mmCIF file of all heavy atoms, coordinates in Angstrom:
data_MODEL
# 
_entry.id   MODEL 
# 
loop_
_atom_site.group_PDB 
_atom_site.id 
_atom_site.type_symbol 
_atom_site.label_atom_id 
_atom_site.label_alt_id 
_atom_site.label_comp_id 
_atom_site.label_asym_id 
_atom_site.label_entity_id 
_atom_site.label_seq_id 
_atom_site.pdbx_PDB_ins_code 
_atom_site.Cartn_x 
_atom_site.Cartn_y 
_atom_site.Cartn_z 
_atom_site.occupancy 
_atom_site.B_iso_or_equiv 
_atom_site.pdbx_formal_charge 
_atom_site.auth_seq_id 
_atom_site.auth_comp_id 
_atom_site.auth_asym_id 
_atom_site.auth_atom_id 
_atom_site.pdbx_PDB_model_num 
ATOM 1   N N   . GLY A 1 1  ? -117.654 -170.361 -22.743 1.00 0.00 ? 1  GLY A N   1 
ATOM 2   C CA  . GLY A 1 1  ? -116.481 -170.786 -21.988 1.00 0.00 ? 1  GLY A CA  1 
ATOM 3   C C   . GLY A 1 1  ? -115.307 -171.020 -22.923 1.00 0.00 ? 1  GLY A C   1 
ATOM 4   O O   . GLY A 1 1  ? -114.950 -170.155 -23.707 1.00 0.00 ? 1  GLY A O   1 
ATOM 5   N N   . ARG A 1 2  ? -114.725 -172.223 -22.862 1.00 0.00 ? 2  ARG A N   1 
ATOM 6   C CA  . ARG A 1 2  ? -113.580 -172.576 -23.710 1.00 0.00 ? 2  ARG A CA  1 
ATOM 7   C C   . ARG A 1 2  ? -114.002 -173.210 -25.039 1.00 0.00 ? 2  ARG A C   1 
ATOM 8   O O   . ARG A 1 2  ? -113.184 -173.779 -25.747 1.00 0.00 ? 2  ARG A O   1 
ATOM 9   C CB  . ARG A 1 2  ? -112.644 -173.535 -22.957 1.00 0.00 ? 2  ARG A CB  1 
ATOM 10  C CG  . ARG A 1 2  ? -111.989 -172.933 -21.734 1.00 0.00 ? 2  ARG A CG  1 
ATOM 11  C CD  . ARG A 1 2  ? -110.876 -171.954 -22.030 1.00 0.00 ? 2  ARG A CD  1 
ATOM 12  N NE  . ARG A 1 2  ? -109.807 -172.605 -22.768 1.00 0.00 ? 2  ARG A NE  1 
ATOM 13  C CZ  . ARG A 1 2  ? -109.062 -171.992 -23.672 1.00 0.00 ? 2  ARG A CZ  1 
ATOM 14  N NH1 . ARG A 1 2  ? -109.232 -170.745 -23.958 1.00 0.00 ? 2  ARG A NH1 1 
ATOM 15  N NH2 . ARG A 1 2  ? -108.110 -172.652 -24.307 1.00 0.00 ? 2  ARG A NH2 1 
ATOM 16  N N   . TRP A 1 3  ? -115.278 -173.120 -25.385 1.00 0.00 ? 3  TRP A N   1 
ATOM 17  C CA  . TRP A 1 3  ? -115.782 -173.711 -26.624 1.00 0.00 ? 3  TRP A CA  1 
ATOM 18  C C   . TRP A 1 3  ? -116.228 -172.611 -27.571 1.00 0.00 ? 3  TRP A C   1 
ATOM 19  O O   . TRP A 1 3  ? -116.853 -171.632 -27.176 1.00 0.00 ? 3  TRP A O   1 
ATOM 20  C CB  . TRP A 1 3  ? -116.937 -174.660 -26.312 1.00 0.00 ? 3  TRP A CB  1 
ATOM 21  C CG  . TRP A 1 3  ? -116.446 -175.873 -25.597 1.00 0.00 ? 3  TRP A CG  1 
ATOM 22  C CD1 . TRP A 1 3  ? -116.236 -176.004 -24.256 1.00 0.00 ? 3  TRP A CD1 1 
ATOM 23  C CD2 . TRP A 1 3  ? -116.048 -177.104 -26.186 1.00 0.00 ? 3  TRP A CD2 1 
ATOM 24  N NE1 . TRP A 1 3  ? -115.733 -177.253 -23.977 1.00 0.00 ? 3  TRP A NE1 1 
ATOM 25  C CE2 . TRP A 1 3  ? -115.617 -177.951 -25.145 1.00 0.00 ? 3  TRP A CE2 1 
ATOM 26  C CE3 . TRP A 1 3  ? -116.013 -177.580 -27.485 1.00 0.00 ? 3  TRP A CE3 1 
ATOM 27  C CZ2 . TRP A 1 3  ? -115.149 -179.246 -25.375 1.00 0.00 ? 3  TRP A CZ2 1 
ATOM 28  C CZ3 . TRP A 1 3  ? -115.558 -178.867 -27.720 1.00 0.00 ? 3  TRP A CZ3 1 
ATOM 29  C CH2 . TRP A 1 3  ? -115.135 -179.687 -26.662 1.00 0.00 ? 3  TRP A CH2 1 
ATOM 30  N N   . LEU A 1 4  ? -115.893 -172.799 -28.848 1.00 0.00 ? 4  LEU A N   1 
ATOM 31  C CA  . LEU A 1 4  ? -116.238 -171.837 -29.887 1.00 0.00 ? 4  LEU A CA  1 
ATOM 32  C C   . LEU A 1 4  ? -117.277 -172.429 -30.835 1.00 0.00 ? 4  LEU A C   1 
ATOM 33  O O   . LEU A 1 4  ? -117.125 -173.561 -31.300 1.00 0.00 ? 4  LEU A O   1 
ATOM 34  C CB  . LEU A 1 4  ? -114.992 -171.459 -30.691 1.00 0.00 ? 4  LEU A CB  1 
ATOM 35  C CG  . LEU A 1 4  ? -113.830 -170.852 -29.909 1.00 0.00 ? 4  LEU A CG  1 
ATOM 36  C CD1 . LEU A 1 4  ? -112.633 -170.650 -30.832 1.00 0.00 ? 4  LEU A CD1 1 
ATOM 37  C CD2 . LEU A 1 4  ? -114.243 -169.548 -29.253 1.00 0.00 ? 4  LEU A CD2 1 
ATOM 38  N N   . GLY A 1 5  ? -118.298 -171.652 -31.119 1.00 0.00 ? 5  GLY A N   1 
ATOM 39  C CA  . GLY A 1 5  ? -119.274 -172.027 -32.133 1.00 0.00 ? 5  GLY A CA  1 
ATOM 40  C C   . GLY A 1 5  ? -118.750 -171.574 -33.479 1.00 0.00 ? 5  GLY A C   1 
ATOM 41  O O   . GLY A 1 5  ? -118.482 -170.382 -33.682 1.00 0.00 ? 5  GLY A O   1 
ATOM 42  N N   . VAL A 1 6  ? -118.556 -172.520 -34.385 1.00 0.00 ? 6  VAL A N   1 
ATOM 43  C CA  . VAL A 1 6  ? -117.944 -172.207 -35.675 1.00 0.00 ? 6  VAL A CA  1 
ATOM 44  C C   . VAL A 1 6  ? -118.851 -172.595 -36.836 1.00 0.00 ? 6  VAL A C   1 
ATOM 45  O O   . VAL A 1 6  ? -119.710 -173.469 -36.716 1.00 0.00 ? 6  VAL A O   1 
ATOM 46  C CB  . VAL A 1 6  ? -116.573 -172.904 -35.834 1.00 0.00 ? 6  VAL A CB  1 
ATOM 47  C CG1 . VAL A 1 6  ? -115.595 -172.417 -34.763 1.00 0.00 ? 6  VAL A CG1 1 
ATOM 48  C CG2 . VAL A 1 6  ? -116.692 -174.419 -35.792 1.00 0.00 ? 6  VAL A CG2 1 
ATOM 49  N N   . VAL A 1 7  ? -118.615 -171.930 -37.949 1.00 0.00 ? 7  VAL A N   1 
ATOM 50  C CA  . VAL A 1 7  ? -119.283 -172.221 -39.218 1.00 0.00 ? 7  VAL A CA  1 
ATOM 51  C C   . VAL A 1 7  ? -118.176 -172.443 -40.235 1.00 0.00 ? 7  VAL A C   1 
ATOM 52  O O   . VAL A 1 7  ? -117.180 -171.713 -40.238 1.00 0.00 ? 7  VAL A O   1 
ATOM 53  C CB  . VAL A 1 7  ? -120.194 -171.043 -39.634 1.00 0.00 ? 7  VAL A CB  1 
ATOM 54  C CG1 . VAL A 1 7  ? -120.717 -171.226 -41.038 1.00 0.00 ? 7  VAL A CG1 1 
ATOM 55  C CG2 . VAL A 1 7  ? -121.347 -170.877 -38.643 1.00 0.00 ? 7  VAL A CG2 1 
ATOM 56  N N   . TYR A 1 8  ? -118.334 -173.448 -41.095 1.00 0.00 ? 8  TYR A N   1 
ATOM 57  C CA  . TYR A 1 8  ? -117.289 -173.753 -42.075 1.00 0.00 ? 8  TYR A CA  1 
ATOM 58  C C   . TYR A 1 8  ? -117.903 -174.448 -43.287 1.00 0.00 ? 8  TYR A C   1 
ATOM 59  O O   . TYR A 1 8  ? -118.884 -175.176 -43.183 1.00 0.00 ? 8  TYR A O   1 
ATOM 60  C CB  . TYR A 1 8  ? -116.193 -174.629 -41.460 1.00 0.00 ? 8  TYR A CB  1 
ATOM 61  C CG  . TYR A 1 8  ? -116.713 -175.911 -40.855 1.00 0.00 ? 8  TYR A CG  1 
ATOM 62  C CD1 . TYR A 1 8  ? -116.650 -177.107 -41.572 1.00 0.00 ? 8  TYR A CD1 1 
ATOM 63  C CD2 . TYR A 1 8  ? -117.289 -175.926 -39.595 1.00 0.00 ? 8  TYR A CD2 1 
ATOM 64  C CE1 . TYR A 1 8  ? -117.151 -178.275 -41.032 1.00 0.00 ? 8  TYR A CE1 1 
ATOM 65  C CE2 . TYR A 1 8  ? -117.784 -177.083 -39.050 1.00 0.00 ? 8  TYR A CE2 1 
ATOM 66  C CZ  . TYR A 1 8  ? -117.717 -178.264 -39.768 1.00 0.00 ? 8  TYR A CZ  1 
ATOM 67  O OH  . TYR A 1 8  ? -118.217 -179.419 -39.231 1.00 0.00 ? 8  TYR A OH  1 
ATOM 68  N N   . ALA A 1 9  ? -117.296 -174.174 -44.443 1.00 0.00 ? 9  ALA A N   1 
ATOM 69  C CA  . ALA A 1 9  ? -117.745 -174.809 -45.686 1.00 0.00 ? 9  ALA A CA  1 
ATOM 70  C C   . ALA A 1 9  ? -117.211 -176.240 -45.738 1.00 0.00 ? 9  ALA A C   1 
ATOM 71  O O   . ALA A 1 9  ? -116.187 -176.543 -45.122 1.00 0.00 ? 9  ALA A O   1 
ATOM 72  C CB  . ALA A 1 9  ? -117.230 -174.009 -46.879 1.00 0.00 ? 9  ALA A CB  1 
ATOM 73  N N   . PRO A 1 10 ? -117.872 -177.115 -46.463 1.00 0.00 ? 10 PRO A N   1 
ATOM 74  C CA  . PRO A 1 10 ? -117.346 -178.471 -46.632 1.00 0.00 ? 10 PRO A CA  1 
ATOM 75  C C   . PRO A 1 10 ? -115.942 -178.432 -47.229 1.00 0.00 ? 10 PRO A C   1 
ATOM 76  O O   . PRO A 1 10 ? -115.604 -177.512 -47.977 1.00 0.00 ? 10 PRO A O   1 
ATOM 77  C CB  . PRO A 1 10 ? -118.335 -179.125 -47.605 1.00 0.00 ? 10 PRO A CB  1 
ATOM 78  C CG  . PRO A 1 10 ? -119.587 -178.331 -47.467 1.00 0.00 ? 10 PRO A CG  1 
ATOM 79  C CD  . PRO A 1 10 ? -119.145 -176.925 -47.155 1.00 0.00 ? 10 PRO A CD  1 
ATOM 80  N N   . GLU A 1 11 ? -115.125 -179.415 -46.886 1.00 0.00 ? 11 GLU A N   1 
ATOM 81  C CA  . GLU A 1 11 ? -113.740 -179.509 -47.377 1.00 0.00 ? 11 GLU A CA  1 
ATOM 82  C C   . GLU A 1 11 ? -113.702 -179.363 -48.896 1.00 0.00 ? 11 GLU A C   1 
ATOM 83  O O   . GLU A 1 11 ? -114.459 -180.004 -49.621 1.00 0.00 ? 11 GLU A O   1 
ATOM 84  C CB  . GLU A 1 11 ? -113.137 -180.858 -46.973 1.00 0.00 ? 11 GLU A CB  1 
ATOM 85  C CG  . GLU A 1 11 ? -111.683 -181.015 -47.333 1.00 0.00 ? 11 GLU A CG  1 
ATOM 86  C CD  . GLU A 1 11 ? -110.754 -180.243 -46.403 1.00 0.00 ? 11 GLU A CD  1 
ATOM 87  O OE1 . GLU A 1 11 ? -110.997 -180.249 -45.195 1.00 0.00 ? 11 GLU A OE1 1 
ATOM 88  O OE2 . GLU A 1 11 ? -109.788 -179.647 -46.910 1.00 0.00 ? 11 GLU A OE2 1 
ATOM 89  N N   . GLY A 1 12 ? -112.831 -178.466 -49.379 1.00 0.00 ? 12 GLY A N   1 
ATOM 90  C CA  . GLY A 1 12 ? -112.652 -178.284 -50.817 1.00 0.00 ? 12 GLY A CA  1 
ATOM 91  C C   . GLY A 1 12 ? -113.716 -177.426 -51.480 1.00 0.00 ? 12 GLY A C   1 
ATOM 92  O O   . GLY A 1 12 ? -113.681 -177.200 -52.679 1.00 0.00 ? 12 GLY A O   1 
ATOM 93  N N   . SER A 1 13 ? -114.659 -176.907 -50.708 1.00 0.00 ? 13 SER A N   1 
ATOM 94  C CA  . SER A 1 13 ? -115.738 -176.097 -51.259 1.00 0.00 ? 13 SER A CA  1 
ATOM 95  C C   . SER A 1 13 ? -115.422 -174.616 -51.111 1.00 0.00 ? 13 SER A C   1 
ATOM 96  O O   . SER A 1 13 ? -114.752 -174.204 -50.173 1.00 0.00 ? 13 SER A O   1 
ATOM 97  C CB  . SER A 1 13 ? -117.041 -176.420 -50.517 1.00 0.00 ? 13 SER A CB  1 
ATOM 98  O OG  . SER A 1 13 ? -118.035 -175.469 -50.820 1.00 0.00 ? 13 SER A OG  1 
ATOM 99  N N   . ASP A 1 14 ? -115.913 -173.804 -52.027 1.00 0.00 ? 14 ASP A N   1 
ATOM 100 C CA  . ASP A 1 14 ? -115.760 -172.354 -51.903 1.00 0.00 ? 14 ASP A CA  1 
ATOM 101 C C   . ASP A 1 14 ? -117.114 -171.703 -51.602 1.00 0.00 ? 14 ASP A C   1 
ATOM 102 O O   . ASP A 1 14 ? -117.361 -170.545 -51.922 1.00 0.00 ? 14 ASP A O   1 
ATOM 103 C CB  . ASP A 1 14 ? -115.119 -171.764 -53.151 1.00 0.00 ? 14 ASP A CB  1 
ATOM 104 C CG  . ASP A 1 14 ? -115.945 -171.998 -54.412 1.00 0.00 ? 14 ASP A CG  1 
ATOM 105 O OD1 . ASP A 1 14 ? -116.967 -172.724 -54.343 1.00 0.00 ? 14 ASP A OD1 1 
ATOM 106 O OD2 . ASP A 1 14 ? -115.588 -171.444 -55.463 1.00 0.00 ? 14 ASP A OD2 1 
ATOM 107 N N   . THR A 1 15 ? -118.012 -172.461 -50.977 1.00 0.00 ? 15 THR A N   1 
ATOM 108 C CA  . THR A 1 15 ? -119.342 -171.982 -50.621 1.00 0.00 ? 15 THR A CA  1 
ATOM 109 C C   . THR A 1 15 ? -119.254 -170.756 -49.719 1.00 0.00 ? 15 THR A C   1 
ATOM 110 O O   . THR A 1 15 ? -118.486 -170.738 -48.760 1.00 0.00 ? 15 THR A O   1 
ATOM 111 C CB  . THR A 1 15 ? -120.135 -173.088 -49.887 1.00 0.00 ? 15 THR A CB  1 
ATOM 112 O OG1 . THR A 1 15 ? -120.229 -174.219 -50.737 1.00 0.00 ? 15 THR A OG1 1 
ATOM 113 C CG2 . THR A 1 15 ? -121.520 -172.627 -49.495 1.00 0.00 ? 15 THR A CG2 1 
ATOM 114 N N   . ASP A 1 16 ? -120.047 -169.733 -50.025 1.00 0.00 ? 16 ASP A N   1 
ATOM 115 C CA  . ASP A 1 16 ? -120.169 -168.569 -49.153 1.00 0.00 ? 16 ASP A CA  1 
ATOM 116 C C   . ASP A 1 16 ? -121.147 -168.947 -48.037 1.00 0.00 ? 16 ASP A C   1 
ATOM 117 O O   . ASP A 1 16 ? -122.316 -169.222 -48.296 1.00 0.00 ? 16 ASP A O   1 
ATOM 118 C CB  . ASP A 1 16 ? -120.695 -167.372 -49.943 1.00 0.00 ? 16 ASP A CB  1 
ATOM 119 C CG  . ASP A 1 16 ? -120.898 -166.140 -49.088 1.00 0.00 ? 16 ASP A CG  1 
ATOM 120 O OD1 . ASP A 1 16 ? -120.633 -166.177 -47.863 1.00 0.00 ? 16 ASP A OD1 1 
ATOM 121 O OD2 . ASP A 1 16 ? -121.331 -165.111 -49.648 1.00 0.00 ? 16 ASP A OD2 1 
ATOM 122 N N   . CYS A 1 17 ? -120.659 -168.960 -46.810 1.00 0.00 ? 17 CYS A N   1 
ATOM 123 C CA  . CYS A 1 17 ? -121.482 -169.399 -45.682 1.00 0.00 ? 17 CYS A CA  1 
ATOM 124 C C   . CYS A 1 17 ? -122.480 -168.344 -45.220 1.00 0.00 ? 17 CYS A C   1 
ATOM 125 O O   . CYS A 1 17 ? -123.338 -168.619 -44.377 1.00 0.00 ? 17 CYS A O   1 
ATOM 126 C CB  . CYS A 1 17 ? -120.588 -169.813 -44.517 1.00 0.00 ? 17 CYS A CB  1 
ATOM 127 S SG  . CYS A 1 17 ? -119.587 -171.274 -44.893 1.00 0.00 ? 17 CYS A SG  1 
ATOM 128 N N   . GLY A 1 18 ? -122.389 -167.126 -45.745 1.00 0.00 ? 18 GLY A N   1 
ATOM 129 C CA  . GLY A 1 18 ? -123.358 -166.091 -45.414 1.00 0.00 ? 18 GLY A CA  1 
ATOM 130 C C   . GLY A 1 18 ? -123.162 -165.451 -44.052 1.00 0.00 ? 18 GLY A C   1 
ATOM 131 O O   . GLY A 1 18 ? -124.109 -164.920 -43.484 1.00 0.00 ? 18 GLY A O   1 
ATOM 132 N N   . THR A 1 19 ? -121.933 -165.481 -43.534 1.00 0.00 ? 19 THR A N   1 
ATOM 133 C CA  . THR A 1 19 ? -121.683 -164.906 -42.210 1.00 0.00 ? 19 THR A CA  1 
ATOM 134 C C   . THR A 1 19 ? -120.974 -163.554 -42.285 1.00 0.00 ? 19 THR A C   1 
ATOM 135 O O   . THR A 1 19 ? -120.698 -162.961 -41.248 1.00 0.00 ? 19 THR A O   1 
ATOM 136 C CB  . THR A 1 19 ? -120.820 -165.866 -41.364 1.00 0.00 ? 19 THR A CB  1 
ATOM 137 O OG1 . THR A 1 19 ? -119.594 -166.110 -42.061 1.00 0.00 ? 19 THR A OG1 1 
ATOM 138 C CG2 . THR A 1 19 ? -121.548 -167.172 -41.114 1.00 0.00 ? 19 THR A CG2 1 
ATOM 139 N N   . GLY A 1 20 ? -120.710 -163.064 -43.486 1.00 0.00 ? 20 GLY A N   1 
ATOM 140 C CA  . GLY A 1 20 ? -119.974 -161.822 -43.661 1.00 0.00 ? 20 GLY A CA  1 
ATOM 141 C C   . GLY A 1 20 ? -120.838 -160.597 -43.841 1.00 0.00 ? 20 GLY A C   1 
ATOM 142 O O   . GLY A 1 20 ? -120.338 -159.521 -44.134 1.00 0.00 ? 20 GLY A O   1 
ATOM 143 N N   . SER A 1 21 ? -122.142 -160.725 -43.669 1.00 0.00 ? 21 SER A N   1 
ATOM 144 C CA  . SER A 1 21 ? -123.059 -159.597 -43.790 1.00 0.00 ? 21 SER A CA  1 
ATOM 145 C C   . SER A 1 21 ? -123.754 -159.367 -42.452 1.00 0.00 ? 21 SER A C   1 
ATOM 146 O O   . SER A 1 21 ? -123.966 -160.315 -41.698 1.00 0.00 ? 21 SER A O   1 
ATOM 147 C CB  . SER A 1 21 ? -124.121 -159.883 -44.854 1.00 0.00 ? 21 SER A CB  1 
ATOM 148 O OG  . SER A 1 21 ? -123.503 -160.062 -46.108 1.00 0.00 ? 21 SER A OG  1 
ATOM 149 N N   . PRO A 1 22 ? -124.150 -158.125 -42.182 1.00 0.00 ? 22 PRO A N   1 
ATOM 150 C CA  . PRO A 1 22 ? -124.838 -157.845 -40.926 1.00 0.00 ? 22 PRO A CA  1 
ATOM 151 C C   . PRO A 1 22 ? -126.163 -158.602 -40.800 1.00 0.00 ? 22 PRO A C   1 
ATOM 152 O O   . PRO A 1 22 ? -126.847 -158.862 -41.794 1.00 0.00 ? 22 PRO A O   1 
ATOM 153 C CB  . PRO A 1 22 ? -125.099 -156.338 -40.988 1.00 0.00 ? 22 PRO A CB  1 
ATOM 154 C CG  . PRO A 1 22 ? -124.065 -155.816 -41.922 1.00 0.00 ? 22 PRO A CG  1 
ATOM 155 C CD  . PRO A 1 22 ? -123.879 -156.908 -42.936 1.00 0.00 ? 22 PRO A CD  1 
ATOM 156 N N   . GLN A 1 23 ? -126.470 -158.939 -39.583 1.00 0.00 ? 23 GLN A N   1 
ATOM 157 C CA  . GLN A 1 23 ? -127.745 -159.591 -39.248 1.00 0.00 ? 23 GLN A CA  1 
ATOM 158 C C   . GLN A 1 23 ? -128.151 -159.039 -37.874 1.00 0.00 ? 23 GLN A C   1 
ATOM 159 O O   . GLN A 1 23 ? -127.513 -159.357 -36.870 1.00 0.00 ? 23 GLN A O   1 
ATOM 160 C CB  . GLN A 1 23 ? -127.559 -161.097 -39.197 1.00 0.00 ? 23 GLN A CB  1 
ATOM 161 C CG  . GLN A 1 23 ? -128.821 -161.835 -38.848 1.00 0.00 ? 23 GLN A CG  1 
ATOM 162 C CD  . GLN A 1 23 ? -128.564 -163.323 -38.833 1.00 0.00 ? 23 GLN A CD  1 
ATOM 163 O OE1 . GLN A 1 23 ? -128.131 -163.891 -39.819 1.00 0.00 ? 23 GLN A OE1 1 
ATOM 164 N NE2 . GLN A 1 23 ? -128.840 -163.933 -37.702 1.00 0.00 ? 23 GLN A NE2 1 
ATOM 165 N N   . ALA A 1 24 ? -129.143 -158.210 -37.846 1.00 0.00 ? 24 ALA A N   1 
ATOM 166 C CA  . ALA A 1 24 ? -129.518 -157.505 -36.616 1.00 0.00 ? 24 ALA A CA  1 
ATOM 167 C C   . ALA A 1 24 ? -129.960 -158.453 -35.507 1.00 0.00 ? 24 ALA A C   1 
ATOM 168 O O   . ALA A 1 24 ? -129.637 -158.258 -34.345 1.00 0.00 ? 24 ALA A O   1 
ATOM 169 C CB  . ALA A 1 24 ? -130.609 -156.482 -36.909 1.00 0.00 ? 24 ALA A CB  1 
ATOM 170 N N   . GLU A 1 25 ? -130.694 -159.486 -35.843 1.00 0.00 ? 25 GLU A N   1 
ATOM 171 C CA  . GLU A 1 25 ? -131.227 -160.415 -34.844 1.00 0.00 ? 25 GLU A CA  1 
ATOM 172 C C   . GLU A 1 25 ? -130.258 -161.562 -34.587 1.00 0.00 ? 25 GLU A C   1 
ATOM 173 O O   . GLU A 1 25 ? -129.722 -162.142 -35.523 1.00 0.00 ? 25 GLU A O   1 
ATOM 174 C CB  . GLU A 1 25 ? -132.560 -160.980 -35.354 1.00 0.00 ? 25 GLU A CB  1 
ATOM 175 C CG  . GLU A 1 25 ? -133.222 -161.929 -34.407 1.00 0.00 ? 25 GLU A CG  1 
ATOM 176 C CD  . GLU A 1 25 ? -134.483 -162.535 -35.014 1.00 0.00 ? 25 GLU A CD  1 
ATOM 177 O OE1 . GLU A 1 25 ? -135.183 -161.821 -35.761 1.00 0.00 ? 25 GLU A OE1 1 
ATOM 178 O OE2 . GLU A 1 25 ? -134.761 -163.723 -34.751 1.00 0.00 ? 25 GLU A OE2 1 
ATOM 179 N N   . ARG A 1 26 ? -130.028 -161.883 -33.320 1.00 0.00 ? 26 ARG A N   1 
ATOM 180 C CA  . ARG A 1 26 ? -129.178 -163.035 -32.962 1.00 0.00 ? 26 ARG A CA  1 
ATOM 181 C C   . ARG A 1 26 ? -130.037 -164.286 -33.092 1.00 0.00 ? 26 ARG A C   1 
ATOM 182 O O   . ARG A 1 26 ? -131.105 -164.377 -32.493 1.00 0.00 ? 26 ARG A O   1 
ATOM 183 C CB  . ARG A 1 26 ? -128.677 -162.868 -31.522 1.00 0.00 ? 26 ARG A CB  1 
ATOM 184 C CG  . ARG A 1 26 ? -127.664 -163.905 -31.126 1.00 0.00 ? 26 ARG A CG  1 
ATOM 185 C CD  . ARG A 1 26 ? -126.339 -163.223 -30.855 1.00 0.00 ? 26 ARG A CD  1 
ATOM 186 N NE  . ARG A 1 26 ? -125.365 -164.133 -30.265 1.00 0.00 ? 26 ARG A NE  1 
ATOM 187 C CZ  . ARG A 1 26 ? -124.302 -164.542 -30.912 1.00 0.00 ? 26 ARG A CZ  1 
ATOM 188 N NH1 . ARG A 1 26 ? -124.078 -164.141 -32.142 1.00 0.00 ? 26 ARG A NH1 1 
ATOM 189 N NH2 . ARG A 1 26 ? -123.435 -165.335 -30.342 1.00 0.00 ? 26 ARG A NH2 1 
ATOM 190 N N   . ARG A 1 27 ? -129.573 -165.254 -33.889 1.00 0.00 ? 27 ARG A N   1 
ATOM 191 C CA  . ARG A 1 27 ? -130.345 -166.485 -34.085 1.00 0.00 ? 27 ARG A CA  1 
ATOM 192 C C   . ARG A 1 27 ? -129.435 -167.644 -34.465 1.00 0.00 ? 27 ARG A C   1 
ATOM 193 O O   . ARG A 1 27 ? -128.268 -167.450 -34.772 1.00 0.00 ? 27 ARG A O   1 
ATOM 194 C CB  . ARG A 1 27 ? -131.415 -166.288 -35.147 1.00 0.00 ? 27 ARG A CB  1 
ATOM 195 C CG  . ARG A 1 27 ? -130.874 -166.028 -36.528 1.00 0.00 ? 27 ARG A CG  1 
ATOM 196 C CD  . ARG A 1 27 ? -131.984 -166.023 -37.576 1.00 0.00 ? 27 ARG A CD  1 
ATOM 197 N NE  . ARG A 1 27 ? -131.524 -165.582 -38.864 1.00 0.00 ? 27 ARG A NE  1 
ATOM 198 C CZ  . ARG A 1 27 ? -130.898 -166.345 -39.750 1.00 0.00 ? 27 ARG A CZ  1 
ATOM 199 N NH1 . ARG A 1 27 ? -130.645 -167.603 -39.495 1.00 0.00 ? 27 ARG A NH1 1 
ATOM 200 N NH2 . ARG A 1 27 ? -130.530 -165.867 -40.926 1.00 0.00 ? 27 ARG A NH2 1 
ATOM 201 N N   . ALA A 1 28 ? -129.980 -168.839 -34.451 1.00 0.00 ? 28 ALA A N   1 
ATOM 202 C CA  . ALA A 1 28 ? -129.229 -170.044 -34.816 1.00 0.00 ? 28 ALA A CA  1 
ATOM 203 C C   . ALA A 1 28 ? -128.821 -169.969 -36.285 1.00 0.00 ? 28 ALA A C   1 
ATOM 204 O O   . ALA A 1 28 ? -129.603 -169.522 -37.133 1.00 0.00 ? 28 ALA A O   1 
ATOM 205 C CB  . ALA A 1 28 ? -130.082 -171.281 -34.562 1.00 0.00 ? 28 ALA A CB  1 
ATOM 206 N N   . TYR A 1 29 ? -127.596 -170.404 -36.575 1.00 0.00 ? 29 TYR A N   1 
ATOM 207 C CA  . TYR A 1 29 ? -127.116 -170.429 -37.949 1.00 0.00 ? 29 TYR A CA  1 
ATOM 208 C C   . TYR A 1 29 ? -127.943 -171.421 -38.754 1.00 0.00 ? 29 TYR A C   1 
ATOM 209 O O   . TYR A 1 29 ? -128.146 -172.567 -38.358 1.00 0.00 ? 29 TYR A O   1 
ATOM 210 C CB  . TYR A 1 29 ? -125.634 -170.818 -38.001 1.00 0.00 ? 29 TYR A CB  1 
ATOM 211 C CG  . TYR A 1 29 ? -125.124 -170.921 -39.417 1.00 0.00 ? 29 TYR A CG  1 
ATOM 212 C CD1 . TYR A 1 29 ? -124.913 -169.767 -40.161 1.00 0.00 ? 29 TYR A CD1 1 
ATOM 213 C CD2 . TYR A 1 29 ? -124.882 -172.140 -40.008 1.00 0.00 ? 29 TYR A CD2 1 
ATOM 214 C CE1 . TYR A 1 29 ? -124.465 -169.830 -41.473 1.00 0.00 ? 29 TYR A CE1 1 
ATOM 215 C CE2 . TYR A 1 29 ? -124.429 -172.221 -41.315 1.00 0.00 ? 29 TYR A CE2 1 
ATOM 216 C CZ  . TYR A 1 29 ? -124.230 -171.068 -42.042 1.00 0.00 ? 29 TYR A CZ  1 
ATOM 217 O OH  . TYR A 1 29 ? -123.798 -171.139 -43.348 1.00 0.00 ? 29 TYR A OH  1 
ATOM 218 N N   . ARG A 1 30 ? -128.438 -170.964 -39.921 1.00 0.00 ? 30 ARG A N   1 
ATOM 219 C CA  . ARG A 1 30 ? -129.238 -171.820 -40.799 1.00 0.00 ? 30 ARG A CA  1 
ATOM 220 C C   . ARG A 1 30 ? -128.788 -171.693 -42.246 1.00 0.00 ? 30 ARG A C   1 
ATOM 221 O O   . ARG A 1 30 ? -129.585 -171.847 -43.154 1.00 0.00 ? 30 ARG A O   1 
ATOM 222 C CB  . ARG A 1 30 ? -130.715 -171.441 -40.695 1.00 0.00 ? 30 ARG A CB  1 
ATOM 223 C CG  . ARG A 1 30 ? -131.338 -171.790 -39.373 1.00 0.00 ? 30 ARG A CG  1 
ATOM 224 C CD  . ARG A 1 30 ? -132.843 -171.531 -39.397 1.00 0.00 ? 30 ARG A CD  1 
ATOM 225 N NE  . ARG A 1 30 ? -133.248 -171.011 -38.114 1.00 0.00 ? 30 ARG A NE  1 
ATOM 226 C CZ  . ARG A 1 30 ? -133.644 -169.778 -37.870 1.00 0.00 ? 30 ARG A CZ  1 
ATOM 227 N NH1 . ARG A 1 30 ? -133.729 -168.902 -38.836 1.00 0.00 ? 30 ARG A NH1 1 
ATOM 228 N NH2 . ARG A 1 30 ? -133.984 -169.397 -36.659 1.00 0.00 ? 30 ARG A NH2 1 
# 
């Protein structure tokens, strides 16, 4: 609906969240 599921690094961090590569199976972010 009007809600977005988002992923984000902690403030001030340059952590790669791992969302920029393909993943064939739809699953919960871990």
